[in-house]
Amino acid sequence: MLYVNLWKNLQLNTQYLTLNTFFCGKFSMNKPKLLLLLCLAVFGTGCGRAVNRSAERRVRDALPRLIGEAKSYKVSINNDPFKTISGSLSNVAIDGDDVLLSNGFLLDHLHLDLKGVSVDTGKGVVKSIRETRFRATVGKANLDEFLAGAQIPEETLRNTRVTLDQGFVTITGIRELIEFRVPLLNQNPVKVNVPFTLTGVLRVAGARRIAFDPKHLTVVGLLLAGKPLAFLTDRFERAVDLNALPFPVTLSDVQIRPNEMILSGVADVSGLLKK
């Protein structure tokens, strides 16, 4: 019975300490530390994991409000429980699946790796985060859906599809043209379907943008100076514009793999965690 009561008291206290550790509340340090010491002495490392697990749950529950709606979020805190109570976290990993961005685009996966998180538990504020790395994964299916969702005035593009494979991006589709016949022969205009293909490589074009490299772009079925080509490249680039993320990032690398694109770099989430 003593063990049961001790465990219940620890759970109640760690709920408050982890909430405040991450989201700026206040708590008394002595009692949770004492309970943790007793629990570790009786039950072993399971109590330490309970502290971090409670902190993970608090962070996870706040992520839809802080980052955006998602199919699911997972938080992993790999840390000494005494340091967690004291507001010092060596490694916090956040993973989101199907994260909806503000521009309507759906990221297949978003990973944030926070190193050296320091919290002032007395004042209830995040003091510093030594480093945050991010990795955003974009899948072929979501790119297809985003590209198909818009049209050019006075132009018709159909069956637009994206292929991602070994460093190259290929966009294919059909451009519907109106061919005018000779009026004197009473011939009505007819529709002509012209297949098109553009293949290129991507480059980092700014802190939050990627772009097609014009030096490595092959186009068939579209005019190089025409509206359809400009529309398709701009639409693709805006789909993965990281300005839609709720925190500033500095993009450093873009990789094209079979059926997916991976963008990675450094993020600044300090302002986000203070909300």
Protein backbone atom coordinates (compact mmCIF):
# COMPACT_ATOMS: atom_id res chain seq x y z
CA MET A 1 0.00 0.00 0.00
CA LEU A 2 2.89 2.34 0.75
CA TYR A 3 4.30 1.68 -2.71
CA VAL A 4 0.93 2.36 -4.37
CA ASN A 5 0.43 5.66 -2.55
CA LEU A 6 3.98 6.71 -3.34
CA TRP A 7 3.43 5.99 -7.04
CA LYS A 8 0.14 7.94 -7.11
CA ASN A 9 1.73 10.94 -5.42
CA LEU A 10 4.57 10.87 -7.90
CA GLN A 11 2.17 10.80 -10.85
CA LEU A 12 0.19 13.76 -9.49
CA ASN A 13 3.30 15.83 -8.87
CA THR A 14 4.98 15.02 -12.17
CA GLN A 15 1.88 16.19 -14.00
CA TYR A 16 2.45 19.67 -12.61
CA LEU A 17 6.22 19.70 -12.90
CA THR A 18 6.28 18.63 -16.54
CA LEU A 19 3.52 21.02 -17.56
CA ASN A 20 5.48 23.88 -16.05
CA THR A 21 8.81 22.67 -17.35
CA PHE A 22 7.58 23.03 -20.91
CA PHE A 23 4.79 25.59 -20.84
CA CYS A 24 5.87 28.20 -18.37
CA GLY A 25 4.20 27.50 -15.06
CA LYS A 26 5.75 27.28 -11.60
CA PHE A 27 6.13 24.55 -9.05
CA SER A 28 8.02 23.63 -5.91
CA MET A 29 11.14 21.62 -6.67
CA ASN A 30 11.72 19.91 -3.33
CA LYS A 31 8.72 17.63 -3.07
CA PRO A 32 8.85 16.17 -6.62
CA LYS A 33 12.58 15.51 -6.28
CA LEU A 34 12.09 13.78 -2.94
CA LEU A 35 9.27 11.62 -4.32
CA LEU A 36 11.38 10.73 -7.34
CA LEU A 37 14.31 9.70 -5.14
CA LEU A 38 12.06 7.47 -3.04
CA CYS A 39 10.38 5.98 -6.07
CA LEU A 40 13.68 5.26 -7.79
CA ALA A 41 14.94 3.57 -4.66
CA VAL A 42 11.86 1.33 -4.48
CA PHE A 43 10.86 0.69 -8.09
CA GLY A 44 14.04 1.41 -10.08
CA THR A 45 14.27 3.22 -13.41
CA GLY A 46 10.55 2.89 -14.21
CA CYS A 47 9.82 5.99 -12.15
CA GLY A 48 12.35 8.03 -14.09
CA ARG A 49 10.67 7.02 -17.33
CA ALA A 50 7.30 8.09 -15.89
CA VAL A 51 8.62 11.63 -15.42
CA ASN A 52 9.73 11.90 -19.04
CA ARG A 53 6.58 10.17 -20.31
CA SER A 54 4.39 12.71 -18.53
CA ALA A 55 6.44 15.53 -20.05
CA GLU A 56 6.09 13.97 -23.51
CA ARG A 57 2.31 13.82 -23.14
CA ARG A 58 2.12 17.50 -22.17
CA VAL A 59 4.17 18.58 -25.16
CA ARG A 60 2.26 16.31 -27.56
CA ASP A 61 -1.12 17.67 -26.47
CA ALA A 62 -0.04 21.24 -27.26
CA LEU A 63 1.45 20.56 -30.71
CA PRO A 64 -1.77 20.89 -32.80
CA ARG A 65 -2.17 24.43 -31.46
CA LEU A 66 1.51 25.33 -31.81
CA ILE A 67 2.41 23.71 -35.14
CA GLY A 68 -0.85 22.74 -36.85
CA GLU A 69 -3.30 19.90 -37.26
CA ALA A 70 -1.82 16.49 -38.02
CA LYS A 71 -2.83 12.87 -38.23
CA SER A 72 -0.62 12.16 -35.23
CA TYR A 73 2.25 13.56 -33.16
CA LYS A 74 4.88 11.70 -31.22
CA VAL A 75 7.28 13.20 -28.66
CA SER A 76 10.36 11.46 -27.29
CA ILE A 77 12.42 12.85 -24.40
CA ASN A 78 15.71 11.09 -23.77
CA ASN A 79 16.83 12.66 -20.52
CA ASP A 80 17.82 12.08 -16.93
CA PRO A 81 14.60 12.52 -14.88
CA PHE A 82 16.32 14.76 -12.33
CA LYS A 83 17.40 17.05 -15.15
CA THR A 84 13.86 17.02 -16.54
CA ILE A 85 12.53 18.21 -13.17
CA SER A 86 15.21 20.90 -13.07
CA GLY A 87 14.30 22.17 -16.53
CA SER A 88 17.35 20.89 -18.40
CA LEU A 89 16.68 18.60 -21.37
CA SER A 90 19.43 17.19 -23.54
CA ASN A 91 17.31 15.84 -26.39
CA VAL A 92 13.65 16.33 -27.37
CA ALA A 93 12.43 14.72 -30.61
CA ILE A 94 9.08 15.66 -32.17
CA ASP A 95 7.55 13.72 -35.08
CA GLY A 96 4.34 14.61 -36.90
CA ASP A 97 2.57 12.63 -39.64
CA ASP A 98 0.37 14.36 -42.26
CA VAL A 99 0.99 17.87 -40.91
CA LEU A 100 -1.27 20.49 -42.51
CA LEU A 101 0.49 23.76 -43.39
CA SER A 102 -1.15 27.17 -43.54
CA ASN A 103 -1.05 27.20 -47.36
CA GLY A 104 -3.16 24.03 -47.48
CA PHE A 105 -0.28 21.69 -48.32
CA LEU A 106 0.13 18.44 -46.41
CA LEU A 107 3.59 17.38 -45.24
CA ASP A 108 3.92 13.62 -45.10
CA HIS A 109 6.25 13.90 -42.12
CA LEU A 110 7.83 16.61 -39.98
CA HIS A 111 10.71 15.87 -37.61
CA LEU A 112 12.16 18.33 -35.09
CA ASP A 113 15.25 17.50 -33.06
CA LEU A 114 15.80 19.92 -30.15
CA LYS A 115 19.17 19.85 -28.41
CA GLY A 116 20.06 21.50 -25.11
CA VAL A 117 16.69 22.87 -23.98
CA SER A 118 17.02 24.99 -20.84
CA VAL A 119 13.99 26.18 -18.86
CA ASP A 120 13.96 28.68 -15.99
CA THR A 121 11.50 26.87 -13.73
CA GLY A 122 11.39 29.77 -11.27
CA LYS A 123 10.34 32.37 -13.85
CA GLY A 124 8.53 29.86 -15.99
CA VAL A 125 10.23 30.68 -19.31
CA VAL A 126 12.33 28.85 -21.88
CA LYS A 127 15.79 30.34 -21.47
CA SER A 128 17.51 28.81 -24.46
CA ILE A 129 17.61 26.01 -27.01
CA ARG A 130 21.12 25.24 -28.17
CA GLU A 131 20.07 23.86 -31.55
CA THR A 132 17.00 22.68 -33.44
CA ARG A 133 17.26 20.66 -36.63
CA PHE A 134 14.24 19.97 -38.84
CA ARG A 135 13.45 17.48 -41.58
CA ALA A 136 10.31 17.75 -43.72
CA THR A 137 9.25 14.88 -45.98
CA VAL A 138 7.02 15.59 -48.98
CA GLY A 139 5.40 12.69 -50.83
CA LYS A 140 4.44 12.29 -54.47
CA ALA A 141 0.71 11.88 -53.76
CA ASN A 142 0.42 15.21 -51.92
CA LEU A 143 2.36 17.00 -54.68
CA ASP A 144 0.02 15.52 -57.32
CA GLU A 145 -3.02 16.73 -55.40
CA PHE A 146 -1.61 20.23 -54.90
CA LEU A 147 -0.63 20.66 -58.56
CA ALA A 148 -4.00 19.44 -59.79
CA GLY A 149 -5.85 21.95 -57.63
CA ALA A 150 -5.38 25.03 -59.83
CA GLN A 151 -5.63 26.09 -63.46
CA ILE A 152 -4.29 28.92 -65.61
CA PRO A 153 -6.83 31.39 -67.03
CA GLU A 154 -7.57 30.52 -70.67
CA GLU A 155 -5.50 27.33 -70.38
CA THR A 156 -6.45 23.75 -69.58
CA LEU A 157 -3.95 21.36 -68.03
CA ARG A 158 -5.07 17.82 -67.31
CA ASN A 159 -3.66 14.66 -65.73
CA THR A 160 -0.79 16.52 -64.08
CA ARG A 161 1.50 14.09 -62.29
CA VAL A 162 4.81 14.30 -60.44
CA THR A 163 7.58 11.69 -60.44
CA LEU A 164 10.35 11.86 -57.85
CA ASP A 165 13.36 9.64 -58.43
CA GLN A 166 17.11 9.74 -57.74
CA GLY A 167 17.66 13.49 -57.71
CA PHE A 168 15.22 14.43 -60.49
CA VAL A 169 11.70 15.87 -60.50
CA THR A 170 9.50 15.16 -63.53
CA ILE A 171 6.10 16.76 -64.14
CA THR A 172 3.93 15.31 -66.89
CA GLY A 173 0.44 16.08 -68.15
CA ILE A 174 -1.71 17.11 -71.07
CA ARG A 175 -2.23 20.64 -72.35
CA GLU A 176 -5.53 21.15 -74.13
CA LEU A 177 -5.26 23.55 -77.08
CA ILE A 178 -7.90 25.01 -79.36
CA GLU A 179 -7.00 24.69 -83.01
CA PHE A 180 -8.86 27.14 -85.24
CA ARG A 181 -9.71 26.04 -88.76
CA VAL A 182 -10.28 28.19 -91.82
CA PRO A 183 -13.59 30.10 -91.31
CA LEU A 184 -14.36 30.23 -95.05
CA LEU A 185 -14.56 26.45 -95.11
CA ASN A 186 -17.08 26.46 -92.24
CA GLN A 187 -14.77 24.39 -90.08
CA ASN A 188 -15.38 24.63 -86.35
CA PRO A 189 -12.50 24.92 -83.85
CA VAL A 190 -11.29 21.60 -82.49
CA LYS A 191 -9.50 20.64 -79.29
CA VAL A 192 -6.01 19.22 -79.53
CA ASN A 193 -4.37 17.37 -76.65
CA VAL A 194 -0.62 17.99 -76.42
CA PRO A 195 1.32 15.87 -73.89
CA PHE A 196 4.09 17.68 -72.04
CA THR A 197 7.03 16.75 -69.82
CA LEU A 198 9.44 18.83 -67.78
CA THR A 199 12.33 17.29 -65.90
CA GLY A 200 14.78 19.09 -63.67
CA VAL A 201 16.76 19.23 -60.46
CA LEU A 202 16.01 21.39 -57.44
CA ARG A 203 18.23 23.83 -55.62
CA VAL A 204 17.96 25.75 -52.35
CA ALA A 205 16.73 29.23 -53.40
CA GLY A 206 16.55 30.92 -50.00
CA ALA A 207 16.06 30.29 -46.31
CA ARG A 208 12.64 28.72 -46.87
CA ARG A 209 12.38 28.09 -50.62
CA ILE A 210 13.42 25.61 -53.24
CA ALA A 211 13.41 26.21 -57.01
CA PHE A 212 14.08 24.41 -60.26
CA ASP A 213 17.61 24.99 -61.48
CA PRO A 214 17.15 26.64 -64.91
CA LYS A 215 20.52 25.24 -66.05
CA HIS A 216 19.23 21.69 -65.62
CA LEU A 217 15.67 21.85 -66.94
CA THR A 218 14.44 19.79 -69.89
CA VAL A 219 11.07 20.69 -71.39
CA VAL A 220 9.01 18.90 -74.07
CA GLY A 221 5.61 20.09 -75.29
CA LEU A 222 5.72 23.54 -73.62
CA LEU A 223 7.17 26.86 -74.74
CA LEU A 224 10.14 27.89 -72.60
CA ALA A 225 8.74 31.42 -72.28
CA GLY A 226 5.09 30.39 -72.06
CA LYS A 227 2.60 30.72 -69.22
CA PRO A 228 2.06 26.96 -68.63
CA LEU A 229 5.74 26.32 -67.86
CA ALA A 230 5.95 29.32 -65.51
CA PHE A 231 2.72 28.24 -63.84
CA LEU A 232 3.83 24.63 -63.27
CA THR A 233 7.26 25.48 -61.87
CA ASP A 234 5.85 28.24 -59.65
CA ARG A 235 3.02 26.03 -58.40
CA PHE A 236 5.44 23.22 -57.54
CA GLU A 237 7.85 25.56 -55.75
CA ARG A 238 5.07 27.20 -53.74
CA ALA A 239 3.76 23.81 -52.65
CA VAL A 240 6.91 23.26 -50.61
CA ASP A 241 7.44 26.88 -49.56
CA LEU A 242 8.51 26.58 -45.91
CA ASN A 243 7.19 30.08 -45.16
CA ALA A 244 4.00 28.16 -44.35
CA LEU A 245 5.66 26.69 -41.23
CA PRO A 246 4.76 28.50 -37.96
CA PHE A 247 8.44 29.02 -37.05
CA PRO A 248 11.44 30.37 -38.96
CA VAL A 249 13.77 27.90 -40.65
CA THR A 250 16.96 28.04 -42.67
CA LEU A 251 16.92 25.41 -45.39
CA SER A 252 20.29 23.83 -46.12
CA ASP A 253 19.58 20.71 -48.19
CA VAL A 254 17.00 19.16 -50.52
CA GLN A 255 17.11 15.50 -51.53
CA ILE A 256 14.98 13.73 -54.13
CA ARG A 257 14.38 10.04 -53.43
CA PRO A 258 11.95 7.58 -55.01
CA ASN A 259 8.43 8.98 -54.39
CA GLU A 260 9.55 11.53 -51.79
CA MET A 261 11.41 14.79 -51.31
CA ILE A 262 13.27 15.59 -48.08
CA LEU A 263 14.04 19.13 -46.97
CA SER A 264 16.31 19.72 -43.99
CA GLY A 265 18.04 22.50 -42.12
CA VAL A 266 17.98 24.55 -38.93
CA ALA A 267 14.84 25.83 -37.18
CA ASP A 268 14.21 28.43 -34.48
CA VAL A 269 11.35 27.21 -32.28
CA SER A 270 12.18 29.21 -29.16
CA GLY A 271 9.35 31.64 -29.77
CA LEU A 272 6.94 28.77 -30.46
CA LEU A 273 7.65 27.05 -27.13
CA LYS A 274 6.91 30.25 -25.21
CA LYS A 275 3.31 30.40 -26.45
